[in-house]
Amino acid sequence: MILVKTAAGQQVLKDRSIELTQRQRTALIMMDGRRDLMEVMQASGVVGEDVKVLVHLGLVADSGTANAPTEPAPLAARRSMGAR
C-alpha cells in the first residue's frame, strides 16, 4: 500500500496544528506517494497504530483514494486516537 499526504497533512507539517510524535511526523513527511507503507515504517520506526492515527486524523490516505480530506479531523477525534 502506498500512502500520500492529504492537503490536511501538508498543512499540519507547516503549522504543527496537531501534535505528532517525532516518528509520526517523520513518517508523514515520507508518505509522498512514492514509498510503500513497509518502507516508510522501517525507515521511520512507526508501528501500525501510528499509521492508523495518521489515517484517522485525515493526514494521509491511500494513493488511490480520490476524496482525500482537506481538513484535519476534529479535536475530539484526535483525542480519541491518542494524539494531543
Protein backbone atom coordinates (compact mmCIF):
# COMPACT_ATOMS: atom_id res chain seq x y z
CA MET A 1 0.00 0.00 0.00
CA ILE A 2 1.23 3.48 -0.82
CA LEU A 3 0.03 6.34 1.34
CA VAL A 4 0.17 10.00 0.43
CA LYS A 5 -0.22 13.18 2.48
CA THR A 6 -3.57 14.87 2.15
CA ALA A 7 -3.91 18.64 1.98
CA ALA A 8 -4.60 18.49 5.72
CA GLY A 9 -1.38 16.52 6.25
CA GLN A 10 0.61 19.08 4.31
CA GLN A 11 -0.93 21.86 6.39
CA VAL A 12 -0.14 20.10 9.68
CA LEU A 13 3.50 19.81 8.63
CA LYS A 14 3.59 23.57 8.02
CA ASP A 15 1.74 24.85 11.08
CA ARG A 16 2.08 21.96 13.57
CA SER A 17 -1.60 22.38 14.44
CA ILE A 18 -1.76 18.73 15.53
CA GLU A 19 0.84 17.40 17.94
CA LEU A 20 2.50 14.33 16.48
CA THR A 21 5.29 12.17 17.86
CA GLN A 22 8.63 12.55 16.12
CA ARG A 23 8.17 9.16 14.44
CA GLN A 24 4.67 10.08 13.23
CA ARG A 25 5.97 13.36 11.84
CA THR A 26 8.87 11.62 10.10
CA ALA A 27 6.50 9.05 8.59
CA LEU A 28 4.14 11.81 7.47
CA ILE A 29 6.99 13.56 5.69
CA MET A 30 7.98 10.31 3.99
CA MET A 31 4.45 9.48 2.80
CA ASP A 32 4.90 11.09 -0.58
CA GLY A 33 3.11 8.64 -2.83
CA ARG A 34 6.35 7.01 -3.98
CA ARG A 35 7.32 4.84 -0.99
CA ASP A 36 5.25 1.87 0.07
CA LEU A 37 4.00 1.62 3.64
CA MET A 38 6.51 -1.05 4.71
CA GLU A 39 9.42 1.09 3.52
CA VAL A 40 8.09 4.11 5.45
CA MET A 41 7.51 2.03 8.58
CA GLN A 42 11.02 0.56 8.51
CA ALA A 43 12.71 3.90 7.86
CA SER A 44 10.69 5.97 10.34
CA GLY A 45 10.14 3.45 13.12
CA VAL A 46 6.37 3.91 13.20
CA VAL A 47 4.15 0.98 14.03
CA GLY A 48 0.72 0.10 12.71
CA GLU A 49 -1.04 2.08 15.45
CA ASP A 50 0.84 5.25 14.41
CA VAL A 51 -0.28 4.76 10.81
CA LYS A 52 -3.88 4.27 11.97
CA VAL A 53 -3.67 7.58 13.84
CA LEU A 54 -2.41 9.42 10.75
CA VAL A 55 -5.19 7.91 8.62
CA HIS A 56 -7.89 8.57 11.25
CA LEU A 57 -6.80 12.18 11.56
CA GLY A 58 -7.14 12.59 7.80
CA LEU A 59 -3.46 13.41 7.34
CA VAL A 60 -2.74 10.57 4.91
CA ALA A 61 -4.80 8.47 2.53
CA ASP A 62 -4.27 5.57 0.16
CA SER A 63 -2.80 6.98 -3.03
CA GLY A 64 -5.78 5.52 -4.93
CA THR A 65 -8.31 7.45 -2.83
CA ALA A 66 -9.92 10.25 -4.79
CA ASN A 67 -11.66 12.00 -1.89
CA ALA A 68 -8.80 12.70 0.50
CA PRO A 69 -9.71 15.02 3.40
CA THR A 70 -8.63 18.63 3.17
CA GLU A 71 -9.27 19.41 6.85
CA PRO A 72 -7.71 17.66 9.84
CA ALA A 73 -10.03 15.58 11.99
CA PRO A 74 -11.88 17.47 14.74
CA LEU A 75 -10.11 17.78 18.11
CA ALA A 76 -12.43 15.23 19.76
CA ALA A 77 -11.43 12.62 17.18
CA ARG A 78 -7.75 13.43 17.68
CA ARG A 79 -8.05 12.90 21.43
CA SER A 80 -9.83 9.59 21.00
CA MET A 81 -6.91 8.32 18.91
CA GLY A 82 -4.32 9.34 21.49
CA ALA A 83 -2.98 12.44 19.73
CA ARG A 84 -2.70 15.61 21.78
